N, C-alpha and C. Protein backbone atom coordinates (compact mmCIF):
# COMPACT_ATOMS: atom_id res chain seq x y z
N MET A 1 -104.81 4.72 -18.56
CA MET A 1 -104.83 6.01 -19.23
C MET A 1 -103.43 6.38 -19.75
N ILE A 2 -102.40 6.09 -18.97
CA ILE A 2 -101.03 6.45 -19.38
C ILE A 2 -100.68 5.75 -20.69
N ALA A 3 -101.03 4.50 -20.81
CA ALA A 3 -100.74 3.76 -22.04
C ALA A 3 -101.45 4.40 -23.24
N GLU A 4 -102.68 4.86 -23.05
CA GLU A 4 -103.41 5.53 -24.13
C GLU A 4 -102.70 6.82 -24.56
N LEU A 5 -102.22 7.57 -23.58
CA LEU A 5 -101.51 8.81 -23.88
C LEU A 5 -100.21 8.53 -24.63
N GLN A 6 -99.47 7.54 -24.16
CA GLN A 6 -98.23 7.17 -24.83
C GLN A 6 -98.51 6.69 -26.26
N GLN A 7 -99.58 5.93 -26.44
CA GLN A 7 -99.94 5.44 -27.77
C GLN A 7 -100.29 6.60 -28.70
N THR A 8 -100.99 7.60 -28.19
CA THR A 8 -101.34 8.76 -29.01
C THR A 8 -100.09 9.48 -29.49
N VAL A 9 -99.15 9.68 -28.59
CA VAL A 9 -97.90 10.36 -28.94
C VAL A 9 -97.10 9.52 -29.94
N ALA A 10 -97.06 8.20 -29.75
CA ALA A 10 -96.37 7.32 -30.69
C ALA A 10 -97.05 7.34 -32.05
N ASN A 11 -98.38 7.30 -32.07
CA ASN A 11 -99.12 7.38 -33.34
C ASN A 11 -98.81 8.68 -34.07
N PHE A 12 -98.70 9.77 -33.32
CA PHE A 12 -98.34 11.05 -33.90
C PHE A 12 -96.98 10.97 -34.59
N ALA A 13 -95.97 10.44 -33.90
CA ALA A 13 -94.62 10.38 -34.46
C ALA A 13 -94.58 9.52 -35.72
N HIS A 14 -95.25 8.38 -35.69
CA HIS A 14 -95.29 7.51 -36.87
C HIS A 14 -96.00 8.22 -38.04
N ALA A 15 -97.12 8.83 -37.76
CA ALA A 15 -97.88 9.52 -38.82
C ALA A 15 -97.08 10.70 -39.38
N LEU A 16 -96.37 11.41 -38.51
CA LEU A 16 -95.53 12.52 -38.94
C LEU A 16 -94.44 12.03 -39.90
N ASP A 17 -93.75 10.97 -39.53
CA ASP A 17 -92.66 10.45 -40.36
C ASP A 17 -93.15 9.88 -41.68
N GLU A 18 -94.33 9.31 -41.68
CA GLU A 18 -94.87 8.69 -42.89
C GLU A 18 -95.72 9.65 -43.71
N LEU A 19 -95.90 10.87 -43.22
CA LEU A 19 -96.83 11.84 -43.83
C LEU A 19 -98.19 11.18 -44.05
N ASN A 20 -98.67 10.54 -42.99
CA ASN A 20 -99.96 9.86 -43.00
C ASN A 20 -101.01 10.89 -42.54
N VAL A 21 -101.52 11.66 -43.50
CA VAL A 21 -102.44 12.75 -43.18
C VAL A 21 -103.72 12.26 -42.51
N PRO A 22 -104.35 11.17 -42.97
CA PRO A 22 -105.56 10.71 -42.26
C PRO A 22 -105.30 10.39 -40.78
N GLU A 23 -104.16 9.79 -40.47
CA GLU A 23 -103.84 9.51 -39.07
C GLU A 23 -103.54 10.79 -38.31
N LEU A 24 -102.83 11.73 -38.94
CA LEU A 24 -102.57 13.01 -38.29
C LEU A 24 -103.89 13.73 -37.98
N GLU A 25 -104.85 13.65 -38.89
CA GLU A 25 -106.15 14.28 -38.65
C GLU A 25 -106.85 13.67 -37.45
N THR A 26 -106.65 12.38 -37.20
CA THR A 26 -107.31 11.75 -36.05
C THR A 26 -106.58 12.01 -34.73
N VAL A 27 -105.29 12.37 -34.82
CA VAL A 27 -104.53 12.55 -33.59
C VAL A 27 -104.42 14.02 -33.18
N LEU A 28 -104.80 14.94 -34.07
CA LEU A 28 -104.75 16.37 -33.76
C LEU A 28 -106.15 16.94 -33.59
N THR A 29 -106.33 17.84 -32.63
CA THR A 29 -107.62 18.52 -32.51
C THR A 29 -107.77 19.50 -33.67
N GLU A 30 -108.98 19.90 -33.94
CA GLU A 30 -109.24 20.88 -35.01
C GLU A 30 -108.54 22.20 -34.72
N ASP A 31 -108.44 22.56 -33.44
CA ASP A 31 -107.85 23.85 -33.06
C ASP A 31 -106.41 23.72 -32.53
N THR A 32 -105.74 22.64 -32.89
CA THR A 32 -104.38 22.40 -32.41
C THR A 32 -103.46 23.59 -32.71
N THR A 33 -102.50 23.81 -31.84
CA THR A 33 -101.49 24.84 -32.07
C THR A 33 -100.10 24.24 -31.82
N TRP A 34 -99.15 24.69 -32.63
CA TRP A 34 -97.77 24.23 -32.51
C TRP A 34 -96.85 25.43 -32.37
N THR A 35 -95.85 25.29 -31.50
CA THR A 35 -94.76 26.27 -31.42
C THR A 35 -93.44 25.50 -31.33
N ILE A 36 -92.42 26.07 -31.95
CA ILE A 36 -91.11 25.43 -31.95
C ILE A 36 -90.07 26.49 -31.59
N THR A 37 -89.24 26.16 -30.63
CA THR A 37 -88.17 27.04 -30.17
C THR A 37 -86.83 26.40 -30.53
N MET A 38 -85.95 27.20 -31.16
CA MET A 38 -84.60 26.76 -31.50
C MET A 38 -83.62 27.81 -31.00
N PRO A 39 -82.48 27.40 -30.45
CA PRO A 39 -81.49 28.37 -29.98
C PRO A 39 -81.05 29.30 -31.11
N GLY A 40 -81.03 30.59 -30.82
CA GLY A 40 -80.55 31.58 -31.77
C GLY A 40 -81.50 31.89 -32.91
N LYS A 41 -82.70 31.35 -32.88
CA LYS A 41 -83.68 31.57 -33.94
C LYS A 41 -84.95 32.14 -33.32
N PRO A 42 -85.72 32.90 -34.11
CA PRO A 42 -87.00 33.37 -33.58
C PRO A 42 -87.97 32.21 -33.36
N LEU A 43 -88.89 32.42 -32.45
CA LEU A 43 -89.92 31.42 -32.17
C LEU A 43 -90.66 31.11 -33.47
N LEU A 44 -90.86 29.84 -33.75
CA LEU A 44 -91.63 29.42 -34.91
C LEU A 44 -93.04 29.11 -34.44
N GLY A 45 -93.98 29.92 -34.90
CA GLY A 45 -95.36 29.71 -34.50
C GLY A 45 -95.84 30.83 -33.60
N PRO A 46 -97.01 30.67 -33.06
CA PRO A 46 -97.77 29.42 -33.15
C PRO A 46 -98.38 29.22 -34.54
N VAL A 47 -98.32 27.96 -34.97
CA VAL A 47 -99.06 27.52 -36.14
C VAL A 47 -100.39 27.05 -35.58
N ALA A 48 -101.47 27.71 -35.98
CA ALA A 48 -102.77 27.47 -35.32
C ALA A 48 -103.77 26.83 -36.28
N GLY A 49 -104.41 25.78 -35.79
CA GLY A 49 -105.44 25.08 -36.54
C GLY A 49 -104.88 23.87 -37.26
N ARG A 50 -105.68 22.80 -37.29
CA ARG A 50 -105.22 21.55 -37.89
C ARG A 50 -104.82 21.73 -39.35
N ALA A 51 -105.61 22.48 -40.13
CA ALA A 51 -105.28 22.68 -41.55
C ALA A 51 -103.93 23.35 -41.71
N ALA A 52 -103.65 24.39 -40.91
CA ALA A 52 -102.37 25.09 -41.00
C ALA A 52 -101.21 24.19 -40.55
N VAL A 53 -101.43 23.40 -39.52
CA VAL A 53 -100.40 22.47 -39.06
C VAL A 53 -100.11 21.43 -40.13
N LEU A 54 -101.14 20.91 -40.76
CA LEU A 54 -100.93 19.92 -41.83
C LEU A 54 -100.18 20.54 -43.00
N ASP A 55 -100.48 21.78 -43.34
CA ASP A 55 -99.71 22.47 -44.39
C ASP A 55 -98.25 22.63 -43.98
N PHE A 56 -98.02 22.96 -42.72
CA PHE A 56 -96.67 23.10 -42.18
C PHE A 56 -95.91 21.77 -42.28
N ILE A 57 -96.57 20.68 -41.94
CA ILE A 57 -95.96 19.35 -42.02
C ILE A 57 -95.64 18.99 -43.47
N ARG A 58 -96.60 19.24 -44.36
CA ARG A 58 -96.37 18.94 -45.79
C ARG A 58 -95.16 19.73 -46.33
N ALA A 59 -95.07 21.00 -45.97
CA ALA A 59 -93.94 21.83 -46.41
C ALA A 59 -92.62 21.27 -45.87
N GLY A 60 -92.63 20.84 -44.63
CA GLY A 60 -91.43 20.25 -44.04
C GLY A 60 -91.01 18.98 -44.76
N HIS A 61 -91.99 18.16 -45.10
CA HIS A 61 -91.68 16.92 -45.82
C HIS A 61 -91.11 17.20 -47.20
N SER A 62 -91.67 18.17 -47.89
CA SER A 62 -91.18 18.45 -49.24
C SER A 62 -89.79 19.07 -49.22
N ALA A 63 -89.40 19.70 -48.12
CA ALA A 63 -88.09 20.34 -48.03
C ALA A 63 -87.00 19.38 -47.54
N GLN A 64 -87.38 18.25 -46.96
CA GLN A 64 -86.38 17.36 -46.37
C GLN A 64 -85.76 16.44 -47.41
N THR A 65 -84.55 16.02 -47.11
CA THR A 65 -83.87 15.03 -47.91
C THR A 65 -83.67 13.79 -47.06
N GLY A 66 -83.64 12.65 -47.70
CA GLY A 66 -83.47 11.41 -46.95
C GLY A 66 -84.71 11.06 -46.16
N ARG A 67 -84.58 10.06 -45.33
CA ARG A 67 -85.67 9.56 -44.50
C ARG A 67 -85.50 10.09 -43.10
N VAL A 68 -86.41 10.97 -42.67
CA VAL A 68 -86.33 11.57 -41.34
C VAL A 68 -87.23 10.80 -40.39
N ARG A 69 -86.70 10.53 -39.20
CA ARG A 69 -87.44 9.84 -38.15
C ARG A 69 -87.42 10.66 -36.87
N HIS A 70 -88.56 10.69 -36.20
CA HIS A 70 -88.69 11.33 -34.89
C HIS A 70 -88.77 10.22 -33.85
N HIS A 71 -87.69 10.02 -33.11
CA HIS A 71 -87.62 8.98 -32.08
C HIS A 71 -87.99 9.63 -30.75
N LEU A 72 -89.08 9.19 -30.14
CA LEU A 72 -89.51 9.75 -28.88
C LEU A 72 -89.14 8.80 -27.75
N GLY A 73 -88.61 9.36 -26.68
CA GLY A 73 -88.22 8.57 -25.52
C GLY A 73 -88.64 9.23 -24.24
N ASN A 74 -88.58 8.47 -23.17
CA ASN A 74 -88.96 8.96 -21.85
C ASN A 74 -90.31 9.67 -21.90
N VAL A 75 -91.27 9.04 -22.56
CA VAL A 75 -92.61 9.61 -22.69
C VAL A 75 -93.31 9.46 -21.34
N ALA A 76 -93.66 10.59 -20.75
CA ALA A 76 -94.24 10.58 -19.40
C ALA A 76 -95.40 11.55 -19.30
N ALA A 77 -96.44 11.13 -18.63
CA ALA A 77 -97.58 12.01 -18.36
C ALA A 77 -97.20 12.90 -17.18
N ALA A 78 -97.24 14.22 -17.41
CA ALA A 78 -96.94 15.17 -16.35
C ALA A 78 -98.15 15.35 -15.45
N LYS A 79 -99.34 15.37 -16.06
CA LYS A 79 -100.59 15.40 -15.31
C LYS A 79 -101.71 14.96 -16.22
N ALA A 80 -102.75 14.42 -15.63
CA ALA A 80 -103.86 13.93 -16.43
C ALA A 80 -105.11 13.82 -15.57
N ASP A 81 -106.24 14.10 -16.20
CA ASP A 81 -107.54 13.81 -15.61
C ASP A 81 -108.38 13.16 -16.70
N ALA A 82 -109.66 13.05 -16.52
CA ALA A 82 -110.49 12.34 -17.49
C ALA A 82 -110.58 13.03 -18.85
N ALA A 83 -110.34 14.35 -18.90
CA ALA A 83 -110.55 15.09 -20.15
C ALA A 83 -109.30 15.73 -20.73
N THR A 84 -108.27 15.97 -19.90
CA THR A 84 -107.07 16.64 -20.38
C THR A 84 -105.82 15.96 -19.82
N ALA A 85 -104.72 16.15 -20.52
CA ALA A 85 -103.46 15.58 -20.05
C ALA A 85 -102.30 16.38 -20.62
N GLU A 86 -101.19 16.30 -19.92
CA GLU A 86 -99.94 16.86 -20.41
C GLU A 86 -98.92 15.74 -20.43
N VAL A 87 -98.23 15.63 -21.55
CA VAL A 87 -97.24 14.58 -21.75
C VAL A 87 -95.97 15.23 -22.25
N ARG A 88 -94.83 14.78 -21.73
CA ARG A 88 -93.56 15.27 -22.24
C ARG A 88 -92.75 14.08 -22.75
N ALA A 89 -91.89 14.38 -23.72
CA ALA A 89 -91.07 13.32 -24.31
C ALA A 89 -89.80 13.93 -24.86
N TYR A 90 -88.72 13.18 -24.80
CA TYR A 90 -87.49 13.59 -25.44
C TYR A 90 -87.57 13.27 -26.93
N LEU A 91 -86.94 14.10 -27.74
CA LEU A 91 -86.86 13.89 -29.18
C LEU A 91 -85.42 13.63 -29.59
N LEU A 92 -85.25 12.62 -30.41
CA LEU A 92 -84.01 12.36 -31.11
C LEU A 92 -84.41 12.25 -32.58
N GLN A 93 -83.95 13.19 -33.39
CA GLN A 93 -84.36 13.24 -34.79
C GLN A 93 -83.18 12.83 -35.68
N THR A 94 -83.44 11.85 -36.58
CA THR A 94 -82.39 11.35 -37.45
C THR A 94 -82.79 11.45 -38.91
N ARG A 95 -81.78 11.40 -39.77
CA ARG A 95 -81.99 11.37 -41.22
C ARG A 95 -81.13 10.24 -41.79
N ASN A 96 -81.74 9.43 -42.64
CA ASN A 96 -81.03 8.37 -43.33
C ASN A 96 -81.10 8.67 -44.82
N THR A 97 -79.95 8.94 -45.43
CA THR A 97 -79.90 9.27 -46.86
C THR A 97 -79.66 8.03 -47.72
N GLY A 98 -79.46 6.88 -47.12
CA GLY A 98 -79.10 5.68 -47.85
C GLY A 98 -77.60 5.50 -47.90
N GLU A 99 -76.87 6.59 -47.74
CA GLU A 99 -75.41 6.55 -47.70
C GLU A 99 -74.88 6.77 -46.29
N ARG A 100 -75.65 7.50 -45.49
CA ARG A 100 -75.22 7.76 -44.12
C ARG A 100 -76.44 8.06 -43.25
N ILE A 101 -76.23 7.91 -41.97
CA ILE A 101 -77.26 8.23 -40.98
C ILE A 101 -76.75 9.43 -40.20
N GLN A 102 -77.61 10.43 -40.06
CA GLN A 102 -77.21 11.68 -39.43
C GLN A 102 -78.14 11.98 -38.25
N LEU A 103 -77.55 12.42 -37.15
CA LEU A 103 -78.33 12.95 -36.04
C LEU A 103 -78.64 14.40 -36.38
N ILE A 104 -79.91 14.74 -36.51
CA ILE A 104 -80.31 16.10 -36.88
C ILE A 104 -80.44 16.98 -35.65
N SER A 105 -81.18 16.48 -34.65
CA SER A 105 -81.46 17.32 -33.50
C SER A 105 -81.93 16.49 -32.32
N THR A 106 -81.86 17.11 -31.17
CA THR A 106 -82.48 16.58 -29.96
C THR A 106 -83.34 17.69 -29.38
N GLY A 107 -84.26 17.32 -28.52
CA GLY A 107 -85.11 18.33 -27.89
C GLY A 107 -86.13 17.70 -26.97
N VAL A 108 -87.07 18.53 -26.56
CA VAL A 108 -88.13 18.11 -25.66
C VAL A 108 -89.47 18.54 -26.22
N TYR A 109 -90.38 17.59 -26.33
CA TYR A 109 -91.77 17.86 -26.70
C TYR A 109 -92.60 18.02 -25.43
N MET A 110 -93.50 18.97 -25.45
CA MET A 110 -94.56 19.08 -24.44
C MET A 110 -95.89 19.02 -25.21
N PHE A 111 -96.67 18.03 -24.90
CA PHE A 111 -97.96 17.85 -25.55
C PHE A 111 -99.07 18.14 -24.55
N SER A 112 -100.05 18.93 -24.95
CA SER A 112 -101.29 19.06 -24.19
C SER A 112 -102.34 18.30 -24.99
N LEU A 113 -102.99 17.35 -24.34
CA LEU A 113 -103.97 16.51 -25.03
C LEU A 113 -105.35 16.71 -24.44
N ARG A 114 -106.35 16.51 -25.28
CA ARG A 114 -107.75 16.54 -24.85
C ARG A 114 -108.44 15.27 -25.32
N ARG A 115 -109.33 14.79 -24.50
CA ARG A 115 -110.13 13.63 -24.88
C ARG A 115 -111.30 14.13 -25.72
N TYR A 116 -111.47 13.54 -26.91
CA TYR A 116 -112.51 13.95 -27.83
C TYR A 116 -113.00 12.71 -28.57
N ASP A 117 -114.30 12.51 -28.59
CA ASP A 117 -114.90 11.35 -29.25
C ASP A 117 -114.25 10.04 -28.80
N GLY A 118 -113.97 9.95 -27.51
CA GLY A 118 -113.46 8.70 -26.95
C GLY A 118 -111.98 8.43 -27.16
N ARG A 119 -111.25 9.40 -27.72
CA ARG A 119 -109.81 9.18 -27.89
C ARG A 119 -109.04 10.46 -27.57
N TRP A 120 -107.77 10.28 -27.26
CA TRP A 120 -106.91 11.41 -26.95
C TRP A 120 -106.42 12.05 -28.23
N ARG A 121 -106.40 13.39 -28.23
CA ARG A 121 -105.91 14.15 -29.38
C ARG A 121 -104.98 15.26 -28.88
N ILE A 122 -104.04 15.63 -29.73
CA ILE A 122 -103.07 16.66 -29.37
C ILE A 122 -103.68 18.03 -29.64
N ALA A 123 -103.85 18.80 -28.56
CA ALA A 123 -104.40 20.15 -28.67
C ALA A 123 -103.28 21.18 -28.81
N GLU A 124 -102.17 20.95 -28.12
CA GLU A 124 -101.02 21.86 -28.21
C GLU A 124 -99.75 21.03 -28.24
N LEU A 125 -98.82 21.50 -29.06
CA LEU A 125 -97.51 20.88 -29.14
C LEU A 125 -96.49 22.00 -29.04
N ALA A 126 -95.60 21.87 -28.09
CA ALA A 126 -94.49 22.82 -27.94
C ALA A 126 -93.21 22.00 -28.00
N LEU A 127 -92.37 22.32 -28.97
CA LEU A 127 -91.10 21.61 -29.14
C LEU A 127 -89.97 22.60 -28.87
N THR A 128 -89.11 22.24 -27.96
CA THR A 128 -87.90 23.02 -27.67
C THR A 128 -86.71 22.20 -28.14
N LEU A 129 -86.09 22.65 -29.23
CA LEU A 129 -84.93 21.95 -29.78
C LEU A 129 -83.67 22.40 -29.06
N ASP A 130 -82.72 21.47 -28.92
CA ASP A 130 -81.46 21.78 -28.26
C ASP A 130 -80.48 22.47 -29.22
N ASN A 131 -80.75 22.37 -30.51
CA ASN A 131 -79.88 23.00 -31.51
C ASN A 131 -80.73 23.43 -32.71
N ALA A 132 -80.23 24.41 -33.45
CA ALA A 132 -80.88 24.81 -34.68
C ALA A 132 -80.29 23.98 -35.81
N PHE A 133 -81.12 23.67 -36.80
CA PHE A 133 -80.59 22.91 -37.94
C PHE A 133 -80.94 23.59 -39.23
């Protein structure tokens, strides 16, 4: 089960970076909610519902410059049963402009997942960034 949870989180990060909407649709629940906390900034969210989250992702992609990557590490299941799980992971976010590579941010993801149609999906995502960018 842990490997499945880790794979779901990895699939999310890859789909996010590639703006792979079909994959994002399979990894997010219909009622998914996202919140993002940054030091010195108001809480962002909750962004509620898969359609709203996908719009949020699209807007982020159109505003970014260079190639942004979300590197997830120390992915660990905090708790899990047959239907629900909580997973946390460290975030290291980078941007490659072709001329330089920049560290954008670090933080911690908390994912709440639900099993649906035989696969794990992200029901809630809470990201706490260590810095505002």
